[in-house]
Amino acid sequence: MNAAADGTTVLVVDDVDANRLAMGAVLHRAGHRVLPAVSAGEALIELDARFRSGALPDVALLDIGLPDMDGLELCRRMKAHPGIAPIPVVHFSAAAVDSGNRSRGLDAGGEAYLTVPVEPAEIQAVVRAVLRGSRARLEAVAQAERLGRFAYVMASVHAARSAQELADLAAAAVTEITEGPAAAFVFGTDGELCTGSPLLSAHLPVPGAQEAVARVMQRAMAGRAGVRKLLAPVPPWPPGYFPDGLGTVRLLLARSRIDHPPVCFAVPQYPSHDAGTDTLLGQLAHATTTAAESLHLYAEERRTALTLQHSFLPRAVPELVDAELALRYEPATRKAEIGGDFYAALSTPAGLLVGVGDVVGHNLEAATVMVELRHALRAYVVDEQDPVSLVTRLDRMLQRYHPEATATVCLALIEPCTGRALVANGGHIQPLIVPGAGQGEPHYIDCAGPLLGLGLDHPPPTEASLAPGDRLLMITDGLIETRGTDLAVSLEDLRTAAAAAPEGVEELSDALLDRFGHREDDVALLALRLKTRTQPDEASFSSKVTP
């Protein structure tokens, strides 16, 4: 509800000219602007027009005895309109003056009831009282809406997956809270300062602005933790973040520990903020600090996990006499978590054992369990080459030492001289056979089995055959799985993409990684193609490079 320049606006509805003019005079003397109406119909038309223009009166005084519609019904209609309902209503009457009439007036939605004749001071006091109540209600609603938006912003801040996203969200939140220009600064995991501001373009205000801001932040928080408020003149604060002429900037800096980088909010010095705004900004600063520190801790854990994974995966691809082999491990995008994906390619007396696996979970623990599984496989294969036996032993190992963990794995034992393959599947994506050009369509090997870690029986191996030129493709689900897409659709997309890929195993691997980019999970991929053999050769089962 808008107030006129000389005071609040009061709608007075009375069909008696003398009464309406007298009531208006009393209100004028109190500094109110009076909006007169002689009937309920005229009042409703006026309210509708003012609602559309955004200039509703602040209070309505309604006579009970109107000719076209009594004041009680007019009040009910006003209160039934969501946009007009907040206007406080005061009934008045010279005839309906008993307690029953007053009760009906309040039940109809009125905030007060005056019996006429009434002293001018009482009229003015009642109007002031209902205005206070109305404003308090509107302020409470606005505060509730503001806190609701603030809660949403806080949740968004904690969900940020990069320093730049965090800076953007924090800047938008500060702008929302202060209702003015704002900027937020968050150090990324690489030490670079990320700037968020709804008013900034893609270019920095002045050359070297970020470096200058970083120096101010570091000096202001040197040896300090917690929240600090200060005014920063220009310079050392760089110009250009806010409209010209604002020579001083109000800063709010925060961090929980002195060995962590601070975050910073910047707003113009004027206008100043009330205590409620300062409280919300302080809470937002704490939340942004916590989110920034979580990003730094996560990045450190991810670097550790990646180092762990890379250190235990083969550094060189085994060079096989009878087969070409391509191996890939691709971490997800920077915004995603680390996983427990792995591959294996081991030469055994019974043939070449290849496989891929994935420990369920996305953290350092998953990567650690992955390492144990891969080492266990290398140890077990010394005495046992049957893929089902190996899957069973891995299952038992997981139950014994990591009862809370589960994993998927698919192993294939291949005789290079014949192309015969025995496949055991523990809850994993089926291997794909990609024939050579003109030799047929790619098809999945029909094999299935339970996850590792559940202690369930594993079925006998599935037998398959690889012809010379055929490529065997084994992947983890991170390559193709997409939220909201059925796995069957993704598997068909993979089959189609593999059919169109170049002939070589390296080229096939690269083509698929390019085709299924923007991954949300880590990927392990193994591609193998047997070479043409004329007779068995035991020496061909040995790798020139020990994986």
Protein backbone atom coordinates (compact mmCIF):
# COMPACT_ATOMS: atom_id res chain seq x y z
CA MET A 1 0.00 0.00 0.00
CA ASN A 2 1.35 3.35 -1.00
CA ALA A 3 1.26 6.52 1.03
CA ALA A 4 0.89 9.94 -0.53
CA ALA A 5 3.62 12.49 -0.04
CA ASP A 6 1.64 14.29 2.66
CA GLY A 7 0.65 11.16 4.60
CA THR A 8 -1.28 7.97 4.33
CA THR A 9 -4.32 7.59 2.09
CA VAL A 10 -7.69 6.83 3.70
CA LEU A 11 -10.72 5.66 1.72
CA VAL A 12 -13.94 7.07 3.25
CA VAL A 13 -17.17 5.48 1.97
CA ASP A 14 -20.41 7.24 3.09
CA ASP A 15 -23.49 8.20 1.09
CA VAL A 16 -24.26 11.19 3.37
CA ASP A 17 -22.31 14.19 2.11
CA ALA A 18 -22.15 15.98 5.45
CA ASN A 19 -20.86 12.92 7.30
CA ARG A 20 -18.34 12.13 4.56
CA LEU A 21 -17.03 15.70 4.52
CA ALA A 22 -16.81 15.85 8.31
CA MET A 23 -14.92 12.57 8.49
CA GLY A 24 -12.62 13.78 5.72
CA ALA A 25 -11.89 17.02 7.51
CA VAL A 26 -10.87 15.18 10.67
CA LEU A 27 -8.51 12.97 8.69
CA HIS A 28 -7.07 15.91 6.73
CA ARG A 29 -6.17 17.68 9.95
CA ALA A 30 -4.28 14.53 11.03
CA GLY A 31 -2.16 14.66 7.84
CA HIS A 32 -3.97 11.96 5.87
CA ARG A 33 -4.98 12.14 2.26
CA VAL A 34 -8.73 11.36 1.90
CA LEU A 35 -10.20 9.36 -0.97
CA PRO A 36 -14.04 9.81 -0.87
CA ALA A 37 -16.67 7.45 -2.28
CA VAL A 38 -20.49 7.77 -2.03
CA SER A 39 -21.41 4.09 -2.53
CA ALA A 40 -20.05 0.54 -2.26
CA GLY A 41 -20.05 0.20 -6.04
CA GLU A 42 -18.01 3.37 -6.50
CA ALA A 43 -15.59 2.18 -3.80
CA LEU A 44 -15.07 -1.20 -5.49
CA ILE A 45 -14.42 0.43 -8.87
CA GLU A 46 -11.92 2.82 -7.28
CA LEU A 47 -10.17 -0.02 -5.43
CA ASP A 48 -9.88 -2.11 -8.58
CA ALA A 49 -8.37 0.78 -10.53
CA ARG A 50 -5.90 1.56 -7.76
CA PHE A 51 -4.97 -2.08 -7.37
CA ARG A 52 -4.05 -2.21 -11.04
CA SER A 53 -1.99 0.97 -10.76
CA GLY A 54 -0.35 -0.04 -7.47
CA ALA A 55 -1.78 2.91 -5.51
CA LEU A 56 -4.13 1.30 -3.00
CA PRO A 57 -5.27 3.29 0.04
CA ASP A 58 -3.74 2.46 3.41
CA VAL A 59 -7.01 2.33 5.40
CA ALA A 60 -10.71 2.11 4.53
CA LEU A 61 -13.50 3.68 6.65
CA LEU A 62 -16.85 2.14 5.65
CA ASP A 63 -20.31 3.28 6.68
CA ILE A 64 -22.54 0.35 7.56
CA GLY A 65 -25.70 1.81 6.00
CA LEU A 66 -24.74 2.27 2.33
CA PRO A 67 -27.61 2.39 -0.21
CA ASP A 68 -26.42 -0.24 -2.75
CA MET A 69 -24.62 -2.66 -0.45
CA ASP A 70 -24.12 -2.53 3.28
CA GLY A 71 -20.64 -1.90 4.67
CA LEU A 72 -20.38 -5.45 6.00
CA GLU A 73 -20.77 -6.99 2.52
CA LEU A 74 -18.38 -4.41 1.04
CA CYS A 75 -15.81 -5.44 3.64
CA ARG A 76 -16.30 -9.13 2.82
CA ARG A 77 -15.71 -8.47 -0.86
CA MET A 78 -12.57 -6.48 -0.10
CA LYS A 79 -11.21 -9.26 2.10
CA ALA A 80 -11.98 -11.85 -0.60
CA HIS A 81 -9.60 -10.12 -3.02
CA PRO A 82 -5.98 -11.24 -2.27
CA GLY A 83 -4.50 -7.95 -3.41
CA ILE A 84 -6.99 -5.72 -1.54
CA ALA A 85 -7.48 -7.87 1.58
CA PRO A 86 -4.47 -6.39 3.50
CA ILE A 87 -6.19 -2.98 3.67
CA PRO A 88 -7.43 -2.54 7.26
CA VAL A 89 -11.15 -1.72 7.50
CA VAL A 90 -12.85 0.47 10.11
CA HIS A 91 -16.66 0.33 10.19
CA PHE A 92 -18.68 3.26 11.47
CA SER A 93 -22.39 3.84 11.98
CA ALA A 94 -24.80 6.17 13.74
CA ALA A 95 -27.63 3.61 13.77
CA ALA A 96 -26.04 0.15 14.19
CA VAL A 97 -24.38 0.82 17.50
CA ASP A 98 -25.09 -2.16 19.75
CA SER A 99 -22.65 -4.95 20.56
CA GLY A 100 -24.23 -7.29 18.02
CA ASN A 101 -23.56 -4.85 15.19
CA ARG A 102 -19.99 -4.36 16.35
CA SER A 103 -19.46 -8.12 16.51
CA ARG A 104 -20.82 -8.59 12.97
CA GLY A 105 -18.51 -5.86 11.73
CA LEU A 106 -15.47 -7.58 13.18
CA ASP A 107 -16.61 -11.00 11.91
CA ALA A 108 -16.98 -9.56 8.41
CA GLY A 109 -13.23 -8.82 8.46
CA GLY A 110 -13.10 -5.35 9.94
CA GLU A 111 -10.28 -4.34 12.25
CA ALA A 112 -12.28 -1.77 14.27
CA TYR A 113 -15.80 -0.32 14.73
CA LEU A 114 -16.74 3.29 15.52
CA THR A 115 -20.12 4.48 16.72
CA VAL A 116 -21.09 7.94 15.48
CA PRO A 117 -21.05 10.62 16.81
CA VAL A 118 -17.44 10.16 17.81
CA GLU A 119 -14.73 12.54 18.94
CA PRO A 120 -12.15 13.49 16.26
CA ALA A 121 -9.30 12.39 18.51
CA GLU A 122 -10.81 8.89 18.73
CA ILE A 123 -11.13 8.68 14.94
CA GLN A 124 -7.51 9.67 14.54
CA ALA A 125 -6.36 7.26 17.26
CA VAL A 126 -8.26 4.32 15.73
CA VAL A 127 -6.78 5.04 12.29
CA ARG A 128 -3.29 5.19 13.78
CA ALA A 129 -3.88 1.90 15.62
CA VAL A 130 -5.10 -0.05 12.60
CA LEU A 131 -2.23 1.40 10.52
CA ARG A 132 0.28 0.16 13.11
CA GLY A 133 -1.27 -3.28 13.08
CA SER A 134 -1.40 -3.39 9.29
CA ARG A 135 2.19 -2.30 8.90
CA ALA A 136 3.32 -4.83 11.50
CA ARG A 137 1.52 -7.60 9.62
CA LEU A 138 2.98 -6.52 6.28
CA GLU A 139 6.46 -6.30 7.78
CA ALA A 140 6.05 -9.78 9.28
CA VAL A 141 4.95 -11.19 5.92
CA ALA A 142 7.81 -9.43 4.14
CA GLN A 143 10.27 -10.69 6.74
CA ALA A 144 8.93 -14.23 6.40
CA GLU A 145 9.30 -14.05 2.62
CA ARG A 146 12.77 -12.60 3.01
CA LEU A 147 13.81 -15.35 5.42
CA GLY A 148 12.34 -17.94 3.06
CA ARG A 149 14.43 -16.58 0.21
CA PHE A 150 17.43 -16.43 2.54
CA ALA A 151 16.97 -20.08 3.51
CA TYR A 152 16.84 -21.02 -0.18
CA VAL A 153 19.99 -19.00 -0.84
CA MET A 154 21.78 -20.64 2.10
CA ALA A 155 20.91 -24.08 0.74
CA SER A 156 22.16 -23.04 -2.71
CA VAL A 157 25.41 -21.72 -1.24
CA HIS A 158 26.09 -25.03 0.47
CA ALA A 159 25.32 -26.86 -2.80
CA ALA A 160 27.86 -24.84 -4.85
CA ARG A 161 30.33 -27.13 -6.59
CA SER A 162 32.98 -24.61 -7.55
CA ALA A 163 34.43 -21.39 -6.14
CA GLN A 164 33.05 -19.35 -9.05
CA GLU A 165 29.55 -20.75 -8.55
CA LEU A 166 29.84 -19.99 -4.84
CA ALA A 167 30.94 -16.40 -5.53
CA ASP A 168 28.05 -15.87 -7.95
CA LEU A 169 25.48 -17.26 -5.50
CA ALA A 170 26.87 -15.25 -2.59
CA ALA A 171 26.87 -12.02 -4.61
CA ALA A 172 23.26 -12.59 -5.67
CA ALA A 173 22.32 -13.21 -2.04
CA VAL A 174 24.03 -10.03 -0.81
CA THR A 175 22.26 -8.07 -3.55
CA GLU A 176 18.96 -9.57 -2.45
CA ILE A 177 19.57 -8.78 1.23
CA THR A 178 20.85 -5.21 0.79
CA GLU A 179 18.66 -4.37 -2.21
CA GLY A 180 21.65 -2.73 -3.86
CA PRO A 181 24.85 -3.45 -5.80
CA ALA A 182 27.18 -6.01 -4.29
CA ALA A 183 30.18 -8.19 -5.08
CA ALA A 184 31.48 -11.38 -3.47
CA PHE A 185 35.02 -12.74 -3.59
CA VAL A 186 36.02 -16.37 -2.95
CA PHE A 187 39.44 -17.95 -3.39
CA GLY A 188 39.35 -21.04 -5.58
CA THR A 189 41.14 -24.29 -4.87
CA ASP A 190 43.88 -23.18 -7.27
CA GLY A 191 44.47 -19.97 -5.31
CA GLU A 192 42.80 -17.75 -7.91
CA LEU A 193 40.27 -15.19 -6.67
CA CYS A 194 36.78 -15.70 -8.09
CA THR A 195 34.51 -12.66 -8.36
CA GLY A 196 30.74 -12.76 -8.29
CA SER A 197 28.60 -9.71 -9.03
CA PRO A 198 25.27 -9.45 -10.85
CA LEU A 199 26.30 -5.99 -12.12
CA LEU A 200 29.70 -6.88 -13.54
CA SER A 201 30.37 -7.79 -17.15
CA ALA A 202 32.76 -10.53 -18.17
CA HIS A 203 35.64 -8.01 -17.91
CA LEU A 204 37.15 -6.81 -14.66
CA PRO A 205 36.53 -3.17 -13.69
CA VAL A 206 40.21 -2.17 -14.04
CA PRO A 207 43.39 -4.10 -14.87
CA GLY A 208 44.79 -5.76 -11.77
CA ALA A 209 41.53 -5.34 -9.84
CA GLN A 210 41.44 -8.94 -8.60
CA GLU A 211 45.04 -8.77 -7.38
CA ALA A 212 44.26 -5.54 -5.53
CA VAL A 213 41.18 -7.08 -3.91
CA ALA A 214 43.19 -10.16 -2.89
CA ARG A 215 45.80 -7.94 -1.22
CA VAL A 216 43.14 -6.02 0.71
CA MET A 217 41.52 -9.27 1.85
CA GLN A 218 44.80 -10.82 2.99
CA ARG A 219 45.94 -7.69 4.84
CA ALA A 220 42.56 -7.14 6.49
CA MET A 221 42.41 -10.74 7.79
CA ALA A 222 46.10 -11.20 8.60
CA GLY A 223 46.27 -13.19 11.83
CA ARG A 224 42.47 -13.04 12.21
CA ALA A 225 39.61 -15.50 12.14
CA GLY A 226 35.87 -14.94 12.42
CA VAL A 227 33.95 -12.04 10.87
CA ARG A 228 35.33 -8.53 10.36
CA LYS A 229 33.58 -5.41 9.09
CA LEU A 230 35.50 -2.41 7.78
CA LEU A 231 35.44 0.51 5.37
CA ALA A 232 37.95 0.41 2.52
CA PRO A 233 38.79 3.66 0.71
CA VAL A 234 39.60 3.83 -2.99
CA PRO A 235 42.51 3.13 -3.23
CA PRO A 236 43.68 0.59 -1.97
CA TRP A 237 40.30 -0.83 -2.99
CA PRO A 238 40.24 -0.79 -6.81
CA PRO A 239 37.68 1.44 -8.55
CA GLY A 240 35.06 0.20 -10.96
CA TYR A 241 33.13 -2.40 -8.97
CA PHE A 242 30.39 0.08 -8.13
CA PRO A 243 29.04 3.28 -9.73
CA ASP A 244 31.48 6.16 -10.02
CA GLY A 245 31.58 8.57 -7.13
CA LEU A 246 31.45 5.93 -4.39
CA GLY A 247 34.83 6.57 -2.84
CA THR A 248 34.54 4.12 0.05
CA VAL A 249 33.39 0.51 0.09
CA ARG A 250 31.89 -1.40 3.00
CA LEU A 251 33.53 -4.83 3.40
CA LEU A 252 32.49 -7.92 5.33
CA LEU A 253 35.24 -10.56 5.56
CA ALA A 254 35.10 -13.97 7.21
CA ARG A 255 36.97 -17.21 7.74
CA SER A 256 36.87 -19.86 10.46
CA ARG A 257 40.63 -20.43 10.77
CA ILE A 258 43.64 -18.23 10.10
CA ASP A 259 45.19 -20.87 7.81
CA HIS A 260 42.13 -20.81 5.50
CA PRO A 261 41.59 -18.19 2.78
CA PRO A 262 38.92 -15.57 3.64
CA VAL A 263 35.76 -14.72 1.75
CA CYS A 264 34.66 -11.13 1.23
CA PHE A 265 31.42 -9.25 0.53
CA ALA A 266 31.63 -5.69 -0.79
CA VAL A 267 28.81 -3.12 -0.94
CA PRO A 268 28.75 0.67 -1.25
CA GLN A 269 29.21 2.58 2.01
CA TYR A 270 25.80 4.25 1.70
CA PRO A 271 23.03 3.65 2.47
CA SER A 272 23.83 2.08 5.83
CA HIS A 273 22.11 -1.15 6.86
CA ASP A 274 19.86 -1.89 9.81
CA ALA A 275 20.68 -4.50 12.45
CA GLY A 276 18.53 -7.16 10.76
CA THR A 277 20.37 -6.77 7.47
CA ASP A 278 23.74 -6.93 9.21
CA THR A 279 22.66 -10.13 10.98
CA LEU A 280 21.64 -11.79 7.71
CA LEU A 281 24.90 -10.73 6.05
CA GLY A 282 26.87 -12.18 8.95
CA GLN A 283 25.02 -15.49 8.69
CA LEU A 284 25.57 -15.54 4.93
CA ALA A 285 29.28 -14.86 5.46
CA HIS A 286 29.54 -17.83 7.84
CA ALA A 287 27.70 -20.06 5.36
CA THR A 288 29.89 -18.93 2.45
CA THR A 289 33.03 -19.51 4.51
CA THR A 290 31.90 -23.01 5.42
CA ALA A 291 31.05 -23.79 1.79
CA ALA A 292 34.40 -22.44 0.55
CA GLU A 293 36.33 -24.49 3.10
CA SER A 294 34.34 -27.59 2.13
CA LEU A 295 35.33 -27.03 -1.49
CA HIS A 296 39.00 -26.79 -0.49
CA LEU A 297 38.81 -29.93 1.65
CA TYR A 298 37.00 -31.80 -1.10
CA ALA A 299 39.58 -30.72 -3.69
CA GLU A 300 42.38 -31.99 -1.47
CA GLU A 301 40.62 -35.31 -0.96
CA ARG A 302 39.98 -35.58 -4.68
CA ARG A 303 43.63 -34.91 -5.51
CA THR A 304 44.65 -37.59 -3.04
CA ALA A 305 42.19 -40.08 -4.49
CA LEU A 306 43.25 -39.34 -8.05
CA THR A 307 46.89 -39.74 -7.10
CA LEU A 308 46.04 -43.03 -5.43
CA GLN A 309 44.13 -44.30 -8.43
CA HIS A 310 46.76 -43.27 -10.96
CA SER A 311 49.57 -44.69 -8.82
CA PHE A 312 48.02 -48.17 -8.74
CA LEU A 313 46.75 -48.33 -12.32
CA PRO A 314 49.33 -49.51 -14.86
CA ARG A 315 51.61 -46.74 -16.08
CA ALA A 316 52.20 -48.58 -19.39
CA VAL A 317 49.82 -50.59 -21.54
CA PRO A 318 50.92 -54.24 -21.75
CA GLU A 319 52.35 -55.01 -25.21
CA LEU A 320 50.84 -58.34 -26.28
CA VAL A 321 51.99 -60.49 -29.18
CA ASP A 322 48.49 -61.76 -29.92
CA ALA A 323 46.36 -58.74 -29.12
CA GLU A 324 46.16 -54.96 -29.25
CA LEU A 325 45.10 -53.36 -26.01
CA ALA A 326 43.90 -49.84 -25.13
CA LEU A 327 43.32 -48.75 -21.55
CA ARG A 328 41.76 -45.52 -20.34
CA TYR A 329 41.05 -44.02 -16.97
CA GLU A 330 39.30 -40.66 -17.12
CA PRO A 331 38.33 -38.71 -13.99
CA ALA A 332 35.03 -36.90 -14.08
CA THR A 333 34.70 -33.16 -14.56
CA ARG A 334 36.05 -30.93 -11.78
CA LYS A 335 32.57 -30.53 -10.34
CA ALA A 336 32.03 -34.25 -9.86
CA GLU A 337 33.30 -36.61 -7.22
CA ILE A 338 36.03 -39.22 -7.41
CA GLY A 339 35.03 -42.84 -7.86
CA GLY A 340 36.43 -46.34 -7.48
CA ASP A 341 36.73 -47.33 -11.16
CA PHE A 342 39.57 -49.60 -12.30
CA TYR A 343 40.71 -51.87 -15.10
CA ALA A 344 43.01 -54.90 -15.24
CA ALA A 345 44.92 -56.72 -17.99
CA LEU A 346 46.92 -59.72 -16.77
CA SER A 347 48.75 -62.43 -18.67
CA THR A 348 48.14 -65.92 -17.22
CA PRO A 349 49.06 -69.49 -18.24
CA ALA A 350 45.44 -69.99 -19.32
CA GLY A 351 45.24 -66.88 -21.46
CA LEU A 352 44.77 -63.16 -21.14
CA LEU A 353 42.60 -62.01 -18.23
CA VAL A 354 41.00 -58.61 -18.73
CA GLY A 355 38.40 -56.82 -16.70
CA VAL A 356 36.92 -53.60 -15.36
CA GLY A 357 35.29 -52.82 -12.05
CA ASP A 358 33.71 -50.08 -9.98
CA VAL A 359 33.47 -49.75 -6.20
CA VAL A 360 30.14 -48.20 -5.20
CA GLY A 361 30.69 -44.74 -3.73
CA HIS A 362 32.42 -41.49 -4.56
CA ASN A 363 35.10 -40.72 -2.02
CA LEU A 364 38.58 -41.61 -0.88
CA GLU A 365 37.33 -44.80 0.77
CA ALA A 366 35.93 -46.06 -2.54
CA ALA A 367 39.30 -45.43 -4.20
CA THR A 368 41.06 -47.27 -1.37
CA VAL A 369 38.77 -50.32 -1.70
CA MET A 370 39.37 -50.23 -5.46
CA VAL A 371 43.12 -50.53 -4.89
CA GLU A 372 42.61 -53.52 -2.59
CA LEU A 373 40.35 -55.27 -5.10
CA ARG A 374 42.83 -54.80 -7.90
CA HIS A 375 45.75 -56.07 -5.83
CA ALA A 376 43.69 -59.04 -4.64
CA LEU A 377 42.87 -59.91 -8.24
CA ARG A 378 46.55 -59.82 -9.19
CA ALA A 379 47.34 -62.12 -6.27
CA TYR A 380 44.50 -64.60 -6.85
CA VAL A 381 45.25 -64.97 -10.56
CA VAL A 382 48.63 -66.52 -9.75
CA ASP A 383 46.88 -69.76 -8.70
CA GLU A 384 43.42 -69.42 -10.21
CA GLN A 385 42.44 -68.27 -13.70
CA ASP A 386 38.76 -69.25 -13.89
CA PRO A 387 36.89 -65.91 -13.97
CA VAL A 388 33.94 -67.13 -11.86
CA SER A 389 36.31 -68.41 -9.16
CA LEU A 390 38.11 -65.09 -9.19
CA VAL A 391 34.85 -63.14 -8.87
CA THR A 392 33.79 -65.39 -5.98
CA ARG A 393 37.07 -64.88 -4.14
CA LEU A 394 36.86 -61.11 -4.62
CA ASP A 395 33.32 -61.25 -3.25
CA ARG A 396 34.50 -63.08 -0.12
CA MET A 397 37.41 -60.67 0.35
CA LEU A 398 35.05 -57.71 0.21
CA GLN A 399 32.67 -59.27 2.75
CA ARG A 400 35.54 -60.06 5.11
CA TYR A 401 37.45 -56.78 5.12
CA HIS A 402 34.87 -54.23 3.88
CA PRO A 403 31.43 -55.55 4.86
CA GLU A 404 29.82 -52.16 4.25
CA ALA A 405 31.12 -51.88 0.68
CA THR A 406 29.80 -53.24 -2.62
CA ALA A 407 31.35 -53.30 -6.06
CA THR A 408 30.76 -54.43 -9.61
CA VAL A 409 33.25 -56.26 -11.79
CA CYS A 410 33.38 -58.05 -15.12
CA LEU A 411 36.24 -60.43 -15.98
CA ALA A 412 37.01 -62.20 -19.26
CA LEU A 413 39.61 -64.93 -19.76
CA ILE A 414 40.61 -65.04 -23.44
CA GLU A 415 42.63 -67.61 -25.36
CA PRO A 416 44.31 -65.46 -28.03
CA CYS A 417 45.05 -68.42 -30.31
CA THR A 418 41.38 -69.45 -30.56
CA GLY A 419 39.44 -66.35 -29.59
CA ARG A 420 37.53 -68.35 -26.97
CA ALA A 421 36.47 -66.17 -24.02
CA LEU A 422 34.97 -67.07 -20.64
CA VAL A 423 33.15 -64.15 -19.04
CA ALA A 424 32.05 -63.73 -15.42
CA ASN A 425 29.91 -60.75 -14.50
CA GLY A 426 29.37 -59.40 -10.99
CA GLY A 427 26.61 -56.82 -11.44
CA HIS A 428 28.51 -54.91 -14.13
CA ILE A 429 27.69 -53.57 -17.60
CA GLN A 430 28.00 -56.38 -20.13
CA PRO A 431 31.03 -56.40 -22.47
CA LEU A 432 30.43 -55.31 -26.05
CA ILE A 433 31.88 -57.17 -29.03
CA VAL A 434 32.49 -54.81 -31.96
CA PRO A 435 33.14 -56.81 -35.16
CA GLY A 436 35.47 -55.56 -37.86
CA ALA A 437 34.20 -53.63 -40.87
CA GLY A 438 31.56 -55.56 -42.76
CA GLN A 439 31.56 -58.44 -40.25
CA GLY A 440 28.29 -57.67 -38.48
CA GLU A 441 26.76 -55.42 -35.86
CA PRO A 442 28.13 -54.83 -32.34
CA HIS A 443 26.44 -56.98 -29.71
CA TYR A 444 26.60 -57.38 -25.93
CA ILE A 445 27.72 -60.65 -24.35
CA ASP A 446 24.70 -62.01 -22.47
CA CYS A 447 26.16 -62.45 -18.99
CA ALA A 448 24.91 -61.48 -15.55
CA GLY A 449 25.56 -62.03 -11.86
CA PRO A 450 25.15 -60.39 -8.44
CA LEU A 451 27.16 -57.50 -7.04
CA LEU A 452 30.29 -58.19 -5.05
CA GLY A 453 29.89 -57.86 -1.31
CA LEU A 454 26.48 -59.52 -1.04
CA GLY A 455 27.69 -63.12 -0.62
CA LEU A 456 25.37 -64.50 -3.31
CA ASP A 457 26.20 -67.42 -5.59
CA HIS A 458 27.73 -66.52 -8.94
CA PRO A 459 26.54 -68.34 -12.07
CA PRO A 460 28.86 -70.33 -14.40
CA PRO A 461 30.86 -68.31 -16.91
CA THR A 462 29.38 -67.26 -20.23
CA GLU A 463 31.31 -68.45 -23.26
CA ALA A 464 31.87 -66.09 -26.19
CA SER A 465 34.07 -66.07 -29.27
CA LEU A 466 36.25 -63.32 -30.69
CA ALA A 467 37.10 -63.51 -34.37
CA PRO A 468 40.27 -61.87 -35.73
CA GLY A 469 39.54 -58.17 -36.03
CA ASP A 470 36.80 -58.22 -33.39
CA ARG A 471 37.18 -55.67 -30.61
CA LEU A 472 36.11 -56.41 -27.05
CA LEU A 473 34.95 -53.30 -25.21
CA MET A 474 34.58 -53.19 -21.42
CA ILE A 475 33.57 -49.98 -19.62
CA THR A 476 32.36 -48.68 -16.28
CA ASP A 477 28.94 -47.06 -16.11
CA GLY A 478 30.31 -43.52 -15.76
CA LEU A 479 30.89 -43.38 -19.52
CA ILE A 480 27.23 -43.63 -20.50
CA GLU A 481 24.97 -43.19 -17.49
CA THR A 482 23.08 -39.89 -17.42
CA ARG A 483 20.53 -38.77 -14.86
CA GLY A 484 17.04 -39.10 -16.21
CA THR A 485 18.05 -41.42 -19.08
CA ASP A 486 17.13 -45.09 -19.06
CA LEU A 487 20.19 -47.35 -19.00
CA ALA A 488 18.86 -49.36 -21.95
CA VAL A 489 18.81 -46.19 -24.04
CA SER A 490 22.39 -45.36 -23.02
CA LEU A 491 23.56 -48.90 -23.86
CA GLU A 492 22.01 -48.64 -27.32
CA ASP A 493 23.71 -45.26 -27.81
CA LEU A 494 27.03 -46.92 -26.92
CA ARG A 495 26.45 -49.77 -29.35
CA THR A 496 25.61 -47.34 -32.15
CA ALA A 497 28.62 -45.14 -31.40
CA ALA A 498 30.95 -48.16 -31.32
CA ALA A 499 29.67 -49.33 -34.70
CA ALA A 500 30.60 -45.98 -36.23
CA ALA A 501 34.00 -45.70 -34.55
CA PRO A 502 37.34 -46.22 -36.35
CA GLU A 503 38.87 -49.71 -36.52
CA GLY A 504 41.78 -49.42 -34.06
CA VAL A 505 41.35 -49.98 -30.33
CA GLU A 506 43.02 -46.67 -29.51
CA GLU A 507 40.83 -44.87 -32.00
CA LEU A 508 37.72 -46.66 -30.66
CA SER A 509 38.55 -45.60 -27.10
CA ASP A 510 39.17 -41.98 -28.02
CA ALA A 511 36.04 -41.80 -30.17
CA LEU A 512 33.83 -43.07 -27.35
CA LEU A 513 35.35 -40.73 -24.77
CA ASP A 514 34.74 -37.82 -27.13
CA ARG A 515 31.21 -38.98 -27.93
CA PHE A 516 30.16 -39.33 -24.29
CA GLY A 517 31.72 -36.17 -22.90
CA HIS A 518 30.64 -34.06 -19.90
CA ARG A 519 30.62 -37.07 -17.62
CA GLU A 520 29.30 -36.93 -14.06
CA ASP A 521 31.35 -39.95 -12.93
CA ASP A 522 34.78 -41.47 -13.42
CA VAL A 523 35.36 -43.87 -16.31
CA ALA A 524 37.51 -46.94 -16.76
CA LEU A 525 37.62 -48.35 -20.30
CA LEU A 526 39.37 -51.35 -21.83
CA ALA A 527 39.39 -52.20 -25.54
CA LEU A 528 41.06 -55.33 -26.95
CA ARG A 529 41.47 -56.72 -30.46
CA LEU A 530 42.99 -60.12 -31.24
CA LYS A 531 45.49 -60.42 -34.02
CA THR A 532 45.35 -63.16 -36.65
CA ARG A 533 47.06 -66.36 -35.44
CA THR A 534 47.80 -69.49 -37.44
CA GLN A 535 48.59 -71.79 -34.52
CA PRO A 536 48.77 -71.66 -30.74
CA ASP A 537 51.94 -70.20 -29.31
CA GLU A 538 52.45 -70.45 -25.58
CA ALA A 539 54.87 -67.55 -25.64
CA SER A 540 52.11 -65.29 -26.85
CA PHE A 541 50.40 -65.54 -23.48
CA SER A 542 53.16 -63.60 -21.80
CA SER A 543 53.30 -59.83 -21.78
CA LYS A 544 56.43 -58.00 -22.77
CA VAL A 545 55.60 -55.43 -20.09
CA THR A 546 54.49 -56.61 -16.67
CA PRO A 547 51.37 -54.58 -15.76
